Amino acid sequence: MKAIRLIMGMAFLALTACYEEDKLTPSEEGENVYNGEYTLPQGNHDYDNDILELFSKYQTMFLYKYEPHDIYYNYNTDAYLGGSYDAEKDSTYSGMFDIPSDEAWVGKQLDLLKELWLGYYPDDFLLKRLPQKVYMVDSLFSAADGRGTPLQNLRTNLLVWSGGDYMLVTYGDERVQAMTREEKFEYKIELNLEFLMGLDLPVTAAFSGVSNYKIFSNINNQQYIYQYGFLNWNNSTTPQDDWLSYLELAVSVPYEELIVEGPNGFLHPSKDSRGLISQKYELIVEHFLSEYQIDLKKIGRDFAEEN
């Protein structure tokens, strides 16, 4: 999962922008909502009223009809990241491919997003920080060059995708009604990490003051990273990177798993011999709870395997 996020992050680095800028203004009651080529409602399903209510609350358009160039075109680099398929030659040309949501399942897809993503945040937080658009698709994947269809040349399946002013989310088909606990746990992590890590929320002075970042100037210190309160060597060299590493830990691993000895037991004395990891973990958890009313421990715990 982490590798997928890194690939996505590099592909759209130039598009990253603050979600608070240029938010839309709700239209008057009874009028359609317009945003360039997009209009709400997009249909006359029961869930279209739900989409309008979401727009009224958060000024974000949840779209199940869309133009591919809005997903794949990088305006800053003038590059198109979408792939293509030549039916006559039966050949795939590498890039990204999407399968639109089945409109029969969009209502269930919305329910899933509320359960695994939106429901963890206060309305005022979402109003300020949700992207302008959320594209709802069935599937998203990358494919390599080769003979055959894109699916025959499948490279990587993606659950979530981000651009400068949007997020793209999957599971817009019949799979949504038969998700396992494990699938919900994985999807929940991807949704919340993609959202939170893209916001670039500020590091607190209390957190950045715990560890000595000068240790990264000497490769010989790598063996002592846990003692200094760091989770890894490559992604902790600055307070901001360190902060994001702890944010990922809190959202991805249940607290109950962190405190016992094992691969993820970062809060157990076998790794956290000086207690600095526990100190920084609690600082970030307490900050998100007091400052934003977001319970990171709950996000990390929900849908985890029961012991």
C-alpha atoms as a PDB file:
ATOM      1  CA  MET A   1       0.000   0.000   0.000  1.00  0.00           C
ATOM      2  CA  LYS A   2       2.772   2.413   0.888  1.00  0.00           C
ATOM      3  CA  ALA A   3       4.491   1.804  -2.438  1.00  0.00           C
ATOM      4  CA  ILE A   4       1.292   2.644  -4.285  1.00  0.00           C
ATOM      5  CA  ARG A   5       0.944   5.923  -2.404  1.00  0.00           C
ATOM      6  CA  LEU A   6       4.524   6.861  -3.219  1.00  0.00           C
ATOM      7  CA  ILE A   7       3.966   6.165  -6.927  1.00  0.00           C
ATOM      8  CA  MET A   8       0.805   8.232  -6.911  1.00  0.00           C
ATOM      9  CA  GLY A   9       2.480  11.025  -4.990  1.00  0.00           C
ATOM     10  CA  MET A  10       5.352  11.303  -7.473  1.00  0.00           C
ATOM     11  CA  ALA A  11       3.040  11.212 -10.473  1.00  0.00           C
ATOM     12  CA  PHE A  12       0.985  14.125  -9.191  1.00  0.00           C
ATOM     13  CA  LEU A  13       3.545  16.084  -7.169  1.00  0.00           C
ATOM     14  CA  ALA A  14       3.173  19.102  -9.403  1.00  0.00           C
ATOM     15  CA  LEU A  15      -0.583  19.089  -8.976  1.00  0.00           C
ATOM     16  CA  THR A  16      -0.605  19.193  -5.177  1.00  0.00           C
ATOM     17  CA  ALA A  17      -2.500  22.211  -3.918  1.00  0.00           C
ATOM     18  CA  CYS A  18      -4.310  23.355  -0.797  1.00  0.00           C
ATOM     19  CA  TYR A  19      -7.888  22.155  -0.750  1.00  0.00           C
ATOM     20  CA  GLU A  20      -9.029  25.301   1.057  1.00  0.00           C
ATOM     21  CA  GLU A  21      -8.563  27.540  -1.995  1.00  0.00           C
ATOM     22  CA  ASP A  22     -11.290  28.314  -4.525  1.00  0.00           C
ATOM     23  CA  LYS A  23     -13.959  26.284  -2.820  1.00  0.00           C
ATOM     24  CA  LEU A  24     -17.338  26.371  -4.537  1.00  0.00           C
ATOM     25  CA  THR A  25     -20.313  28.306  -3.231  1.00  0.00           C
ATOM     26  CA  PRO A  26     -23.576  26.394  -2.775  1.00  0.00           C
ATOM     27  CA  SER A  27     -26.329  27.332  -5.215  1.00  0.00           C
ATOM     28  CA  GLU A  28     -29.733  28.464  -4.066  1.00  0.00           C
ATOM     29  CA  GLU A  29     -32.235  25.781  -3.170  1.00  0.00           C
ATOM     30  CA  GLY A  30     -33.910  24.256  -6.187  1.00  0.00           C
ATOM     31  CA  GLU A  31     -31.205  25.246  -8.665  1.00  0.00           C
ATOM     32  CA  ASN A  32     -28.682  22.989 -10.302  1.00  0.00           C
ATOM     33  CA  VAL A  33     -25.044  23.170  -9.213  1.00  0.00           C
ATOM     34  CA  TYR A  34     -22.558  24.109 -11.934  1.00  0.00           C
ATOM     35  CA  ASN A  35     -18.779  23.798 -11.984  1.00  0.00           C
ATOM     36  CA  GLY A  36     -17.403  24.256 -15.470  1.00  0.00           C
ATOM     37  CA  GLU A  37     -18.501  21.228 -17.495  1.00  0.00           C
ATOM     38  CA  TYR A  38     -20.015  19.469 -14.465  1.00  0.00           C
ATOM     39  CA  THR A  39     -23.562  19.889 -13.201  1.00  0.00           C
ATOM     40  CA  LEU A  40     -25.364  18.462 -10.199  1.00  0.00           C
ATOM     41  CA  PRO A  41     -27.532  16.485 -10.134  1.00  0.00           C
ATOM     42  CA  GLN A  42     -26.020  14.170 -12.731  1.00  0.00           C
ATOM     43  CA  GLY A  43     -29.080  11.946 -12.831  1.00  0.00           C
ATOM     44  CA  ASN A  44     -32.422  11.272 -11.186  1.00  0.00           C
ATOM     45  CA  HIS A  45     -31.501   8.437  -8.811  1.00  0.00           C
ATOM     46  CA  ASP A  46     -32.450   8.562  -5.141  1.00  0.00           C
ATOM     47  CA  TYR A  47     -28.768   9.004  -4.254  1.00  0.00           C
ATOM     48  CA  ASP A  48     -28.528  12.176  -6.361  1.00  0.00           C
ATOM     49  CA  ASN A  49     -30.343  13.947  -3.532  1.00  0.00           C
ATOM     50  CA  ASP A  50     -27.687  12.593  -1.181  1.00  0.00           C
ATOM     51  CA  ILE A  51     -24.962  13.983  -3.444  1.00  0.00           C
ATOM     52  CA  LEU A  52     -26.668  17.380  -3.420  1.00  0.00           C
ATOM     53  CA  GLU A  53     -26.806  17.272   0.378  1.00  0.00           C
ATOM     54  CA  LEU A  54     -23.086  16.495   0.502  1.00  0.00           C
ATOM     55  CA  PHE A  55     -22.438  19.474  -1.741  1.00  0.00           C
ATOM     56  CA  SER A  56     -24.569  21.687   0.470  1.00  0.00           C
ATOM     57  CA  LYS A  57     -22.582  20.609   3.553  1.00  0.00           C
ATOM     58  CA  TYR A  58     -19.053  20.522   2.140  1.00  0.00           C
ATOM     59  CA  GLN A  59     -19.140  22.414  -1.198  1.00  0.00           C
ATOM     60  CA  THR A  60     -17.615  19.354  -2.841  1.00  0.00           C
ATOM     61  CA  MET A  61     -18.978  17.655  -5.960  1.00  0.00           C
ATOM     62  CA  PHE A  62     -19.233  13.852  -5.772  1.00  0.00           C
ATOM     63  CA  LEU A  63     -19.213  12.846  -9.455  1.00  0.00           C
ATOM     64  CA  TYR A  64     -19.982   9.465 -11.000  1.00  0.00           C
ATOM     65  CA  LYS A  65     -19.959  10.879 -14.548  1.00  0.00           C
ATOM     66  CA  TYR A  66     -16.719  12.539 -15.616  1.00  0.00           C
ATOM     67  CA  GLU A  67     -14.264  13.222 -18.427  1.00  0.00           C
ATOM     68  CA  PRO A  68     -11.091  11.072 -18.418  1.00  0.00           C
ATOM     69  CA  HIS A  69      -8.845  14.062 -19.166  1.00  0.00           C
ATOM     70  CA  ASP A  70      -9.864  15.575 -15.813  1.00  0.00           C
ATOM     71  CA  ILE A  71      -8.389  12.543 -14.070  1.00  0.00           C
ATOM     72  CA  TYR A  72      -5.255  11.988 -16.098  1.00  0.00           C
ATOM     73  CA  TYR A  73      -4.106  15.319 -17.498  1.00  0.00           C
ATOM     74  CA  ASN A  74      -1.277  17.021 -15.587  1.00  0.00           C
ATOM     75  CA  TYR A  75      -1.730  20.686 -16.385  1.00  0.00           C
ATOM     76  CA  ASN A  76       1.586  21.773 -14.862  1.00  0.00           C
ATOM     77  CA  THR A  77       3.743  19.400 -16.901  1.00  0.00           C
ATOM     78  CA  ASP A  78       1.467  19.242 -19.962  1.00  0.00           C
ATOM     79  CA  ALA A  79       1.512  15.453 -19.694  1.00  0.00           C
ATOM     80  CA  TYR A  80      -1.354  13.018 -20.134  1.00  0.00           C
ATOM     81  CA  LEU A  81      -1.031  10.045 -17.809  1.00  0.00           C
ATOM     82  CA  GLY A  82      -3.870   7.976 -19.232  1.00  0.00           C
ATOM     83  CA  GLY A  83      -3.153   4.906 -21.319  1.00  0.00           C
ATOM     84  CA  SER A  84      -4.917   3.825 -24.491  1.00  0.00           C
ATOM     85  CA  TYR A  85      -6.094   0.700 -26.260  1.00  0.00           C
ATOM     86  CA  ASP A  86      -6.068   0.112 -30.038  1.00  0.00           C
ATOM     87  CA  ALA A  87      -8.832  -2.404 -30.759  1.00  0.00           C
ATOM     88  CA  GLU A  88      -7.741  -2.960 -34.360  1.00  0.00           C
ATOM     89  CA  LYS A  89      -4.213  -3.881 -33.309  1.00  0.00           C
ATOM     90  CA  ASP A  90      -5.391  -5.400 -30.021  1.00  0.00           C
ATOM     91  CA  SER A  91      -2.612  -3.452 -28.312  1.00  0.00           C
ATOM     92  CA  THR A  92      -2.377  -1.584 -25.025  1.00  0.00           C
ATOM     93  CA  TYR A  93      -0.260   1.543 -24.632  1.00  0.00           C
ATOM     94  CA  SER A  94       0.931   2.044 -21.081  1.00  0.00           C
ATOM     95  CA  GLY A  95      -0.711   4.417 -18.634  1.00  0.00           C
ATOM     96  CA  MET A  96      -3.670   4.681 -16.291  1.00  0.00           C
ATOM     97  CA  PHE A  97      -7.133   3.243 -16.991  1.00  0.00           C
ATOM     98  CA  ASP A  98     -10.447   3.568 -15.174  1.00  0.00           C
ATOM     99  CA  ILE A  99     -13.749   1.738 -15.224  1.00  0.00           C
ATOM    100  CA  PRO A 100     -16.685   4.069 -14.399  1.00  0.00           C
ATOM    101  CA  SER A 101     -18.988   3.285 -11.507  1.00  0.00           C
ATOM    102  CA  ASP A 102     -22.045   1.199 -12.188  1.00  0.00           C
ATOM    103  CA  GLU A 103     -24.844   3.662 -11.449  1.00  0.00           C
ATOM    104  CA  ALA A 104     -26.838   0.901  -9.783  1.00  0.00           C
ATOM    105  CA  TRP A 105     -24.239   0.822  -6.994  1.00  0.00           C
ATOM    106  CA  VAL A 106     -23.317   4.496  -6.527  1.00  0.00           C
ATOM    107  CA  GLY A 107     -25.665   4.824  -3.559  1.00  0.00           C
ATOM    108  CA  LYS A 108     -23.894   1.964  -1.775  1.00  0.00           C
ATOM    109  CA  GLN A 109     -20.556   3.483  -2.754  1.00  0.00           C
ATOM    110  CA  LEU A 110     -21.567   6.739  -1.072  1.00  0.00           C
ATOM    111  CA  ASP A 111     -22.559   4.829   2.066  1.00  0.00           C
ATOM    112  CA  LEU A 112     -19.143   3.162   2.061  1.00  0.00           C
ATOM    113  CA  LEU A 113     -17.335   6.497   1.791  1.00  0.00           C
ATOM    114  CA  LYS A 114     -19.308   7.850   4.737  1.00  0.00           C
ATOM    115  CA  GLU A 115     -18.491   4.774   6.796  1.00  0.00           C
ATOM    116  CA  LEU A 116     -14.777   4.475   6.000  1.00  0.00           C
ATOM    117  CA  TRP A 117     -13.802   8.105   5.363  1.00  0.00           C
ATOM    118  CA  LEU A 118     -16.142  11.044   5.900  1.00  0.00           C
ATOM    119  CA  GLY A 119     -17.573   9.749   9.154  1.00  0.00           C
ATOM    120  CA  TYR A 120     -14.261  10.178  10.990  1.00  0.00           C
ATOM    121  CA  TYR A 121     -14.187  13.974  10.608  1.00  0.00           C
ATOM    122  CA  PRO A 122     -16.236  16.904  11.925  1.00  0.00           C
ATOM    123  CA  ASP A 123     -18.273  18.759   9.318  1.00  0.00           C
ATOM    124  CA  ASP A 124     -16.312  21.985   9.730  1.00  0.00           C
ATOM    125  CA  PHE A 125     -13.029  20.147   9.069  1.00  0.00           C
ATOM    126  CA  LEU A 126     -14.436  18.616   5.880  1.00  0.00           C
ATOM    127  CA  LEU A 127     -15.915  21.912   4.747  1.00  0.00           C
ATOM    128  CA  LYS A 128     -12.490  23.548   4.882  1.00  0.00           C
ATOM    129  CA  ARG A 129     -10.415  20.678   3.531  1.00  0.00           C
ATOM    130  CA  LEU A 130     -12.308  18.328   1.245  1.00  0.00           C
ATOM    131  CA  PRO A 131     -11.214  18.667  -2.382  1.00  0.00           C
ATOM    132  CA  GLN A 132     -13.465  20.410  -4.872  1.00  0.00           C
ATOM    133  CA  LYS A 133     -14.345  17.142  -6.573  1.00  0.00           C
ATOM    134  CA  VAL A 134     -14.507  13.464  -5.652  1.00  0.00           C
ATOM    135  CA  TYR A 135     -14.609  11.199  -8.706  1.00  0.00           C
ATOM    136  CA  MET A 136     -16.389   7.920  -8.020  1.00  0.00           C
ATOM    137  CA  VAL A 137     -15.271   4.987 -10.183  1.00  0.00           C
ATOM    138  CA  ASP A 138     -15.528   1.227 -10.229  1.00  0.00           C
ATOM    139  CA  SER A 139     -11.802   0.569 -10.633  1.00  0.00           C
ATOM    140  CA  LEU A 140      -8.521   2.309 -11.382  1.00  0.00           C
ATOM    141  CA  PHE A 141      -5.363   0.570 -12.573  1.00  0.00           C
ATOM    142  CA  SER A 142      -2.142   1.002 -14.486  1.00  0.00           C
ATOM    143  CA  ALA A 143      -1.258  -1.169 -17.463  1.00  0.00           C
ATOM    144  CA  ALA A 144       1.965  -1.810 -19.360  1.00  0.00           C
ATOM    145  CA  ASP A 145       2.578  -1.794 -23.107  1.00  0.00           C
ATOM    146  CA  GLY A 146       1.653  -5.085 -24.699  1.00  0.00           C
ATOM    147  CA  ARG A 147      -0.609  -7.169 -26.863  1.00  0.00           C
ATOM    148  CA  GLY A 148      -4.141  -7.550 -25.589  1.00  0.00           C
ATOM    149  CA  THR A 149      -6.481  -5.409 -23.512  1.00  0.00           C
ATOM    150  CA  PRO A 150      -5.383  -3.140 -20.650  1.00  0.00           C
ATOM    151  CA  LEU A 151      -6.633  -5.707 -18.123  1.00  0.00           C
ATOM    152  CA  GLN A 152      -4.515  -8.365 -19.812  1.00  0.00           C
ATOM    153  CA  ASN A 153      -1.523  -6.061 -19.314  1.00  0.00           C
ATOM    154  CA  LEU A 154      -2.470  -5.096 -15.767  1.00  0.00           C
ATOM    155  CA  ARG A 155       0.382  -3.643 -13.733  1.00  0.00           C
ATOM    156  CA  THR A 156      -1.128  -2.253 -10.516  1.00  0.00           C
ATOM    157  CA  ASN A 157      -4.615  -1.875  -9.070  1.00  0.00           C
ATOM    158  CA  LEU A 158      -5.181   1.386  -7.180  1.00  0.00           C
ATOM    159  CA  LEU A 159      -7.828   2.078  -4.564  1.00  0.00           C
ATOM    160  CA  VAL A 160      -7.468   5.866  -4.305  1.00  0.00           C
ATOM    161  CA  TRP A 161      -5.944   8.552  -6.524  1.00  0.00           C
ATOM    162  CA  SER A 162      -5.342  12.268  -5.953  1.00  0.00           C
ATOM    163  CA  GLY A 163      -4.904  15.396  -8.040  1.00  0.00           C
ATOM    164  CA  GLY A 164      -4.616  19.055  -7.234  1.00  0.00           C
ATOM    165  CA  ASP A 165      -8.312  19.641  -6.654  1.00  0.00           C
ATOM    166  CA  TYR A 166      -9.787  16.164  -6.459  1.00  0.00           C
ATOM    167  CA  MET A 167      -9.712  12.656  -5.047  1.00  0.00           C
ATOM    168  CA  LEU A 168     -10.718   9.580  -6.978  1.00  0.00           C
ATOM    169  CA  VAL A 169     -12.299   6.667  -5.103  1.00  0.00           C
ATOM    170  CA  THR A 170     -13.158   3.122  -6.191  1.00  0.00           C
ATOM    171  CA  TYR A 171     -15.614   0.312  -5.361  1.00  0.00           C
ATOM    172  CA  GLY A 172     -18.453   1.624  -7.509  1.00  0.00           C
ATOM    173  CA  ASP A 173     -19.794  -1.795  -8.469  1.00  0.00           C
ATOM    174  CA  GLU A 174     -21.386  -4.898  -6.956  1.00  0.00           C
ATOM    175  CA  ARG A 175     -18.208  -5.657  -4.980  1.00  0.00           C
ATOM    176  CA  VAL A 176     -19.312  -2.979  -2.528  1.00  0.00           C
ATOM    177  CA  GLN A 177     -21.987  -5.238  -1.064  1.00  0.00           C
ATOM    178  CA  ALA A 178     -19.638  -8.150  -0.380  1.00  0.00           C
ATOM    179  CA  MET A 179     -16.533  -6.507   1.050  1.00  0.00           C
ATOM    180  CA  THR A 180     -14.664  -8.506   3.651  1.00  0.00           C
ATOM    181  CA  ARG A 181     -13.451  -7.013   6.915  1.00  0.00           C
ATOM    182  CA  GLU A 182      -9.916  -7.126   5.541  1.00  0.00           C
ATOM    183  CA  GLU A 183     -10.920  -5.265   2.367  1.00  0.00           C
ATOM    184  CA  LYS A 184     -12.671  -2.568   4.387  1.00  0.00           C
ATOM    185  CA  PHE A 185      -9.629  -2.209   6.623  1.00  0.00           C
ATOM    186  CA  GLU A 186      -7.323  -1.765   3.632  1.00  0.00           C
ATOM    187  CA  TYR A 187      -9.646   0.656   1.846  1.00  0.00           C
ATOM    188  CA  LYS A 188     -10.174   2.678   5.027  1.00  0.00           C
ATOM    189  CA  ILE A 189      -6.403   3.131   5.395  1.00  0.00           C
ATOM    190  CA  GLU A 190      -5.958   4.253   1.793  1.00  0.00           C
ATOM    191  CA  LEU A 191      -8.849   6.729   1.917  1.00  0.00           C
ATOM    192  CA  ASN A 192      -7.788   8.394   5.143  1.00  0.00           C
ATOM    193  CA  LEU A 193      -4.058   8.459   4.458  1.00  0.00           C
ATOM    194  CA  GLU A 194      -4.525   9.910   0.990  1.00  0.00           C
ATOM    195  CA  PHE A 195      -6.775  12.596   2.445  1.00  0.00           C
ATOM    196  CA  LEU A 196      -4.808  13.478   5.584  1.00  0.00           C
ATOM    197  CA  MET A 197      -1.290  13.308   4.166  1.00  0.00           C
ATOM    198  CA  GLY A 198      -2.277  15.579   1.308  1.00  0.00           C
ATOM    199  CA  LEU A 199      -3.412  18.350   3.674  1.00  0.00           C
ATOM    200  CA  ASP A 200       0.095  19.137   4.968  1.00  0.00           C
ATOM    201  CA  LEU A 201      -1.191  19.978   8.453  1.00  0.00           C
ATOM    202  CA  PRO A 202       1.451  21.754  10.557  1.00  0.00           C
ATOM    203  CA  VAL A 203       3.806  19.956  12.938  1.00  0.00           C
ATOM    204  CA  THR A 204       3.590  20.985  16.574  1.00  0.00           C
ATOM    205  CA  ALA A 205       6.641  22.373  18.381  1.00  0.00           C
ATOM    206  CA  ALA A 206       6.162  19.796  21.125  1.00  0.00           C
ATOM    207  CA  PHE A 207       6.478  16.960  18.608  1.00  0.00           C
ATOM    208  CA  SER A 208       9.485  18.342  16.719  1.00  0.00           C
ATOM    209  CA  GLY A 209      11.293  19.017  19.984  1.00  0.00           C
ATOM    210  CA  VAL A 210      11.375  15.392  21.142  1.00  0.00           C
ATOM    211  CA  SER A 211      14.002  13.933  18.788  1.00  0.00           C
ATOM    212  CA  ASN A 212      17.383  15.085  17.520  1.00  0.00           C
ATOM    213  CA  TYR A 213      17.248  15.263  13.709  1.00  0.00           C
ATOM    214  CA  LYS A 214      21.013  15.717  13.482  1.00  0.00           C
ATOM    215  CA  ILE A 215      21.450  11.956  13.759  1.00  0.00           C
ATOM    216  CA  PHE A 216      20.640  11.653  10.044  1.00  0.00           C
ATOM    217  CA  SER A 217      23.931  13.336   9.159  1.00  0.00           C
ATOM    218  CA  ASN A 218      25.774  10.113  10.079  1.00  0.00           C
ATOM    219  CA  ILE A 219      24.742   6.810   8.479  1.00  0.00           C
ATOM    220  CA  ASN A 220      26.228   4.947  11.446  1.00  0.00           C
ATOM    221  CA  ASN A 221      23.301   6.180  13.557  1.00  0.00           C
ATOM    222  CA  GLN A 222      20.799   4.202  11.494  1.00  0.00           C
ATOM    223  CA  GLN A 223      20.893   1.311  13.962  1.00  0.00           C
ATOM    224  CA  TYR A 224      19.741   3.628  16.767  1.00  0.00           C
ATOM    225  CA  ILE A 225      16.674   5.178  15.097  1.00  0.00           C
ATOM    226  CA  TYR A 226      14.158   3.656  17.533  1.00  0.00           C
ATOM    227  CA  GLN A 227      16.170   4.846  20.519  1.00  0.00           C
ATOM    228  CA  TYR A 228      16.066   8.383  19.106  1.00  0.00           C
ATOM    229  CA  GLY A 229      12.305   8.152  18.563  1.00  0.00           C
ATOM    230  CA  PHE A 230      12.205   7.646  14.796  1.00  0.00           C
ATOM    231  CA  LEU A 231      10.187   5.044  12.922  1.00  0.00           C
ATOM    232  CA  ASN A 232      12.423   4.732   9.867  1.00  0.00           C
ATOM    233  CA  TRP A 233      15.608   6.129   8.388  1.00  0.00           C
ATOM    234  CA  ASN A 234      14.544   7.318   4.957  1.00  0.00           C
ATOM    235  CA  ASN A 235      11.333   9.201   5.738  1.00  0.00           C
ATOM    236  CA  SER A 236      12.045  10.907   9.055  1.00  0.00           C
ATOM    237  CA  THR A 237      14.876  13.326   8.329  1.00  0.00           C
ATOM    238  CA  THR A 238      12.777  16.482   8.846  1.00  0.00           C
ATOM    239  CA  PRO A 239      10.056  17.239  11.416  1.00  0.00           C
ATOM    240  CA  GLN A 240       7.441  17.296   8.642  1.00  0.00           C
ATOM    241  CA  ASP A 241       8.463  13.903   7.250  1.00  0.00           C
ATOM    242  CA  ASP A 242       8.671  12.512  10.775  1.00  0.00           C
ATOM    243  CA  TRP A 243       5.181  13.863  11.520  1.00  0.00           C
ATOM    244  CA  LEU A 244       3.766  12.167   8.427  1.00  0.00           C
ATOM    245  CA  SER A 245       5.451   8.887   9.369  1.00  0.00           C
ATOM    246  CA  TYR A 246       3.684   8.953  12.743  1.00  0.00           C
ATOM    247  CA  LEU A 247       0.412   9.949  11.113  1.00  0.00           C
ATOM    248  CA  GLU A 248       0.689   6.948   8.803  1.00  0.00           C
ATOM    249  CA  LEU A 249       1.473   4.680  11.742  1.00  0.00           C
ATOM    250  CA  ALA A 250      -1.537   5.870  13.740  1.00  0.00           C
ATOM    251  CA  VAL A 251      -3.955   5.446  10.838  1.00  0.00           C
ATOM    252  CA  SER A 252      -2.535   2.161   9.514  1.00  0.00           C
ATOM    253  CA  VAL A 253      -1.909   0.078  12.654  1.00  0.00           C
ATOM    254  CA  PRO A 254      -4.324  -0.524  15.548  1.00  0.00           C
ATOM    255  CA  TYR A 255      -3.047   0.760  18.893  1.00  0.00           C
ATOM    256  CA  GLU A 256      -3.520  -2.709  20.381  1.00  0.00           C
ATOM    257  CA  GLU A 257      -1.016  -4.054  17.861  1.00  0.00           C
ATOM    258  CA  LEU A 258       1.488  -1.255  18.483  1.00  0.00           C
ATOM    259  CA  ILE A 259       1.856  -1.981  22.189  1.00  0.00           C
ATOM    260  CA  VAL A 260       2.692  -5.700  21.909  1.00  0.00           C
ATOM    261  CA  GLU A 261       5.966  -7.196  20.798  1.00  0.00           C
ATOM    262  CA  GLY A 262       6.060  -7.971  17.080  1.00  0.00           C
ATOM    263  CA  PRO A 263       6.747  -6.444  13.647  1.00  0.00           C
ATOM    264  CA  ASN A 264       4.385  -3.521  14.352  1.00  0.00           C
ATOM    265  CA  GLY A 265       5.129  -3.228  18.056  1.00  0.00           C
ATOM    266  CA  PHE A 266       6.679   0.227  17.819  1.00  0.00           C
ATOM    267  CA  LEU A 267       5.329   1.254  21.233  1.00  0.00           C
ATOM    268  CA  HIS A 268       6.614  -1.879  22.959  1.00  0.00           C
ATOM    269  CA  PRO A 269       9.883  -1.608  24.955  1.00  0.00           C
ATOM    270  CA  SER A 270      11.539  -4.088  22.603  1.00  0.00           C
ATOM    271  CA  LYS A 271      11.613  -1.276  20.038  1.00  0.00           C
ATOM    272  CA  ASP A 272      10.807   1.803  22.104  1.00  0.00           C
ATOM    273  CA  SER A 273      13.502   1.307  24.731  1.00  0.00           C
ATOM    274  CA  ARG A 274      13.631   4.978  25.740  1.00  0.00           C
ATOM    275  CA  GLY A 275       9.917   5.742  25.403  1.00  0.00           C
ATOM    276  CA  LEU A 276      10.405   8.455  22.753  1.00  0.00           C
ATOM    277  CA  ILE A 277       8.263   6.725  20.139  1.00  0.00           C
ATOM    278  CA  SER A 278       5.393   6.432  22.602  1.00  0.00           C
ATOM    279  CA  GLN A 279       5.824  10.083  23.554  1.00  0.00           C
ATOM    280  CA  LYS A 280       5.637  11.280  19.951  1.00  0.00           C
ATOM    281  CA  TYR A 281       2.767   8.932  19.113  1.00  0.00           C
ATOM    282  CA  GLU A 282       0.682  10.293  21.979  1.00  0.00           C
ATOM    283  CA  LEU A 283       1.554  13.871  21.053  1.00  0.00           C
ATOM    284  CA  ILE A 284       0.229  13.508  17.520  1.00  0.00           C
ATOM    285  CA  VAL A 285      -2.843  11.561  18.622  1.00  0.00           C
ATOM    286  CA  GLU A 286      -3.694  14.103  21.341  1.00  0.00           C
ATOM    287  CA  HIS A 287      -3.114  17.027  18.971  1.00  0.00           C
ATOM    288  CA  PHE A 288      -5.483  15.697  16.307  1.00  0.00           C
ATOM    289  CA  LEU A 289      -8.115  15.000  18.935  1.00  0.00           C
ATOM    290  CA  SER A 290      -7.925  18.410  20.652  1.00  0.00           C
ATOM    291  CA  GLU A 291      -7.231  20.584  17.608  1.00  0.00           C
ATOM    292  CA  TYR A 292      -9.385  18.888  14.967  1.00  0.00           C
ATOM    293  CA  GLN A 293     -11.642  16.472  16.940  1.00  0.00           C
ATOM    294  CA  ILE A 294     -10.231  13.568  14.918  1.00  0.00           C
ATOM    295  CA  ASP A 295      -9.631  10.258  16.708  1.00  0.00           C
ATOM    296  CA  LEU A 296      -6.630   8.710  14.947  1.00  0.00           C
ATOM    297  CA  LYS A 297      -6.712   5.658  17.203  1.00  0.00           C
ATOM    298  CA  LYS A 298     -10.284   4.908  16.138  1.00  0.00           C
ATOM    299  CA  ILE A 299      -9.365   5.232  12.470  1.00  0.00           C
ATOM    300  CA  GLY A 300      -6.464   2.834  13.011  1.00  0.00           C
ATOM    301  CA  ARG A 301      -8.548   0.345  14.986  1.00  0.00           C
ATOM    302  CA  ASP A 302     -11.787   0.063  12.975  1.00  0.00           C
ATOM    303  CA  PHE A 303     -12.177  -3.131  10.926  1.00  0.00           C
ATOM    304  CA  ALA A 304      -8.886  -4.563  12.164  1.00  0.00           C
ATOM    305  CA  GLU A 305      -8.798  -8.283  12.796  1.00  0.00           C
ATOM    306  CA  GLU A 306     -10.214  -9.218  16.169  1.00  0.00           C
ATOM    307  CA  ASN A 307      -7.719 -10.832  18.476  1.00  0.00           C
END
